[in-house]
Protein backbone atom coordinates (compact mmCIF):
# COMPACT_ATOMS: atom_id res chain seq x y z
CA UNK A 1 37.92 -16.18 18.67
CA UNK A 2 38.11 -13.55 15.91
CA UNK A 3 38.90 -16.06 13.34
CA UNK A 4 36.11 -18.36 14.36
CA UNK A 5 33.61 -15.47 14.07
CA UNK A 6 34.87 -14.40 10.70
CA UNK A 7 34.51 -18.01 9.49
CA UNK A 8 31.17 -18.30 10.91
CA UNK A 9 29.94 -15.03 9.14
CA UNK A 10 31.48 -16.21 5.94
CA UNK A 11 29.58 -19.53 6.18
CA UNK A 12 26.22 -17.74 6.96
CA UNK A 13 26.68 -15.40 4.05
CA UNK A 14 27.70 -18.21 1.63
CA UNK A 15 24.54 -20.12 2.87
CA UNK A 16 22.22 -17.31 2.13
CA UNK A 17 23.74 -16.64 -1.32
CA UNK A 18 23.40 -20.26 -2.21
CA UNK A 19 19.79 -20.44 -1.07
CA UNK A 20 19.12 -17.21 -3.12
CA UNK A 21 20.60 -18.96 -6.13
CA UNK A 22 18.13 -21.97 -5.87
CA UNK A 23 15.28 -19.47 -6.06
CA UNK A 24 13.77 -18.26 -9.51
CA UNK A 25 15.17 -14.86 -10.18
CA UNK A 26 12.00 -13.32 -11.21
CA UNK A 27 8.29 -14.06 -10.59
CA UNK A 28 5.12 -12.33 -10.96
CA UNK A 29 3.26 -11.01 -7.82
CA UNK A 30 -0.41 -9.79 -7.52
CA UNK A 31 -1.98 -8.73 -4.13
CA UNK A 32 -5.07 -6.86 -3.16
CA UNK A 33 -4.06 -3.95 -1.05
CA UNK A 34 -6.66 -2.36 1.20
CA UNK A 35 -6.16 0.27 3.85
CA UNK A 36 -7.87 1.87 6.74
CA UNK A 37 -6.85 5.59 7.01
CA UNK A 38 -8.44 8.95 7.96
CA UNK A 39 -9.14 12.40 6.49
CA UNK A 40 -9.52 15.03 9.13
CA UNK A 41 -10.17 12.60 11.89
CA UNK A 42 -12.74 10.71 9.77
CA UNK A 43 -11.95 7.01 9.15
CA UNK A 44 -11.82 6.12 5.55
CA UNK A 45 -11.39 2.74 3.64
CA UNK A 46 -9.06 2.57 0.58
CA UNK A 47 -9.44 -0.37 -2.04
CA UNK A 48 -6.51 -1.13 -3.91
CA UNK A 49 -4.43 -3.62 -5.95
CA UNK A 50 -0.72 -4.26 -6.80
CA UNK A 51 0.90 -5.86 -9.76
CA UNK A 52 4.65 -6.49 -9.97
CA UNK A 53 7.55 -8.82 -10.03
CA UNK A 54 9.57 -10.30 -7.10
CA UNK A 55 13.36 -10.75 -7.43
CA UNK A 56 14.34 -13.86 -5.48
CA UNK A 57 13.55 -13.21 -1.69
CA UNK A 58 15.04 -9.86 -1.78
CA UNK A 59 12.74 -7.25 -3.42
CA UNK A 60 9.51 -6.65 -5.23
CA UNK A 61 8.73 -3.76 -7.61
CA UNK A 62 5.56 -2.88 -9.46
CA UNK A 63 2.57 -0.61 -9.86
CA UNK A 64 -0.56 -0.08 -7.70
CA UNK A 65 -3.82 1.80 -7.63
CA UNK A 66 -6.07 2.87 -4.75
CA UNK A 67 -9.31 4.70 -4.44
CA UNK A 68 -11.67 5.57 -1.54
CA UNK A 69 -14.69 3.35 -1.00
CA UNK A 70 -16.89 6.29 -0.36
CA UNK A 71 -16.46 10.07 0.20
CA UNK A 72 -16.01 11.73 3.55
CA UNK A 73 -18.75 14.40 4.38
CA UNK A 74 -18.17 17.50 6.54
CA UNK A 75 -21.04 19.65 7.66
CA UNK A 76 -20.90 23.22 8.92
CA UNK A 77 -23.10 26.22 9.16
CA UNK A 78 -22.36 29.09 6.79
CA UNK A 79 -21.85 32.40 8.41
CA UNK A 80 -23.28 34.30 5.54
CA UNK A 81 -26.50 32.31 4.96
CA UNK A 82 -26.85 30.47 8.39
CA UNK A 83 -27.67 27.27 6.37
CA UNK A 84 -25.96 23.84 6.63
CA UNK A 85 -23.25 23.41 4.05
CA UNK A 86 -21.96 19.91 3.17
CA UNK A 87 -18.39 19.33 1.96
CA UNK A 88 -17.57 15.90 0.23
CA UNK A 89 -14.02 14.69 -0.29
CA UNK A 90 -12.63 11.68 -1.87
CA UNK A 91 -9.49 10.70 -3.92
CA UNK A 92 -7.74 8.15 -5.89
CA UNK A 93 -4.14 7.57 -7.03
CA UNK A 94 -1.72 5.48 -9.03
CA UNK A 95 1.67 4.55 -7.64
CA UNK A 96 5.01 2.61 -8.14
CA UNK A 97 6.16 0.56 -5.20
CA UNK A 98 9.24 -1.21 -3.93
CA UNK A 99 9.24 -3.82 -1.18
CA UNK A 100 12.60 -4.36 0.60
CA UNK A 101 12.33 -7.82 2.04
CA UNK A 102 14.07 -7.88 5.53
CA UNK A 103 13.03 -11.37 6.66
CA UNK A 104 11.73 -14.52 4.97
CA UNK A 105 11.42 -17.98 6.58
CA UNK A 106 8.93 -20.67 5.76
CA UNK A 107 5.44 -19.06 5.65
CA UNK A 108 6.38 -15.58 7.14
CA UNK A 109 7.88 -12.54 5.49
CA UNK A 110 8.68 -8.99 6.87
CA UNK A 111 9.32 -6.23 4.54
CA UNK A 112 9.43 -2.40 4.33
CA UNK A 113 7.37 -0.83 1.46
CA UNK A 114 7.54 2.64 -0.23
CA UNK A 115 4.88 3.89 -2.67
CA UNK A 116 5.27 6.97 -4.61
CA UNK A 117 2.07 7.97 -6.34
CA UNK A 118 0.11 10.50 -8.30
CA UNK A 119 -3.57 11.16 -7.77
CA UNK A 120 -6.56 13.43 -7.75
CA UNK A 121 -8.72 14.56 -4.80
CA UNK A 122 -12.18 15.90 -5.39
CA UNK A 123 -13.81 18.54 -3.05
CA UNK A 124 -17.49 19.18 -3.73
CA UNK A 125 -19.34 21.81 -1.65
CA UNK A 126 -23.18 21.40 -1.64
CA UNK A 127 -26.00 23.58 -0.34
CA UNK A 128 -29.20 21.56 -0.41
CA UNK A 129 -29.28 19.97 -3.96
CA UNK A 130 -27.12 22.83 -5.37
CA UNK A 131 -23.44 22.15 -5.97
CA UNK A 132 -21.72 25.47 -5.22
CA UNK A 133 -18.05 24.64 -6.06
CA UNK A 134 -15.88 21.65 -7.01
CA UNK A 135 -12.06 21.72 -6.70
CA UNK A 136 -9.76 19.40 -8.48
CA UNK A 137 -5.94 19.56 -7.83
CA UNK A 138 -2.99 17.07 -8.13
CA UNK A 139 -1.61 14.94 -5.36
CA UNK A 140 1.89 13.60 -5.16
CA UNK A 141 1.79 10.97 -2.46
CA UNK A 142 4.51 9.10 -0.58
CA UNK A 143 3.62 6.10 1.75
CA UNK A 144 6.01 4.23 3.97
CA UNK A 145 5.09 1.23 5.83
CA UNK A 146 6.17 -2.06 7.53
CA UNK A 147 4.27 -5.14 6.63
CA UNK A 148 4.15 -8.82 7.32
CA UNK A 149 2.85 -11.56 5.00
CA UNK A 150 1.72 -15.08 5.85
CA UNK A 151 1.42 -17.84 3.26
CA UNK A 152 -1.59 -19.89 4.17
CA UNK A 153 -1.62 -22.08 1.13
CA UNK A 154 0.21 -22.35 -2.19
CA UNK A 155 -2.20 -20.02 -3.86
CA UNK A 156 -3.34 -17.50 -1.11
CA UNK A 157 -1.68 -15.43 1.63
CA UNK A 158 -2.69 -12.77 4.11
CA UNK A 159 -0.83 -9.53 4.85
CA UNK A 160 -1.06 -6.71 7.45
CA UNK A 161 0.91 -3.48 8.09
CA UNK A 162 1.13 -0.05 9.48
CA UNK A 163 2.58 3.14 7.87
CA UNK A 164 2.16 6.80 7.06
CA UNK A 165 0.89 8.72 4.06
CA UNK A 166 2.29 12.12 3.39
CA UNK A 167 2.21 14.51 0.44
CA UNK A 168 5.29 15.80 -1.49
CA UNK A 169 3.35 19.02 -2.59
CA UNK A 170 3.23 20.60 0.91
CA UNK A 171 0.31 22.93 1.12
CA UNK A 172 -1.35 23.43 4.53
CA UNK A 173 -4.89 22.63 3.30
CA UNK A 174 -3.69 19.45 1.53
CA UNK A 175 -1.25 18.08 4.11
CA UNK A 176 -3.83 18.76 7.13
CA UNK A 177 -6.46 16.69 5.02
CA UNK A 178 -4.38 13.92 3.50
CA UNK A 179 -1.32 13.31 5.81
CA UNK A 180 -2.35 10.49 8.05
CA UNK A 181 -1.48 7.01 9.42
CA UNK A 182 -2.54 4.06 7.33
CA UNK A 183 -3.34 0.41 8.46
CA UNK A 184 -3.30 -2.37 5.99
CA UNK A 185 -4.97 -5.67 5.46
CA UNK A 186 -4.58 -7.59 2.22
CA UNK A 187 -5.17 -10.72 0.33
CA UNK A 188 -2.25 -12.10 -1.68
CA UNK A 189 -2.63 -14.42 -4.64
CA UNK A 190 0.47 -16.50 -5.66
CA UNK A 191 0.34 -17.06 -9.56
CA UNK A 192 2.81 -19.81 -9.30
CA UNK A 193 0.48 -21.79 -7.02
CA UNK A 194 -2.53 -21.20 -9.46
CA UNK A 195 -0.28 -22.44 -12.37
CA UNK A 196 0.81 -25.65 -10.47
CA UNK A 197 -2.84 -26.45 -9.65
CA UNK A 198 -3.77 -26.00 -13.42
CA UNK A 199 -0.92 -28.21 -14.43
CA UNK A 200 -1.97 -30.91 -12.04
CA UNK A 201 -5.47 -31.04 -13.26
CA UNK A 202 -4.35 -31.44 -16.82
């Protein structure tokens, strides 16, 4: 029984390695990478994109960028002036990413992603039309997520996922503002599919 199990494992591993050998080693990958998240319990939308390369059906690496669609506003009454004060918060960041592909079969793909990035938040405090203060600090961001991609055509695919955003520079004000769950939806463009269509039209 042990010999049979060992032989079966050997055959499965050999089949996987053979299948990987038939796949181009490196290919370009592009995807829009939008997220729904929150800042201090206020929902936000992050617009993003990723550019990178995929190695067989094993991993992807590259760079990405994300920014808030619109700022989040907080209002409170100042104890000193008894007037309504508005705080606006938004941020952007660049990142490098790595996808570890756990499962790939036909049109489906399941993978774990880590993004490590650098960005800037902007806090603006307004009293009426007067800007009282604006703060600009560095953010060092880490995002971990689990995602699923589905290839709907040779050119386009859809993706979804869930994860968590946290900061490396742990400061109470920053972490309470920016540490939050993330929910992803994205459109994927397969460059090899676009190239094939162009070749066929020639």
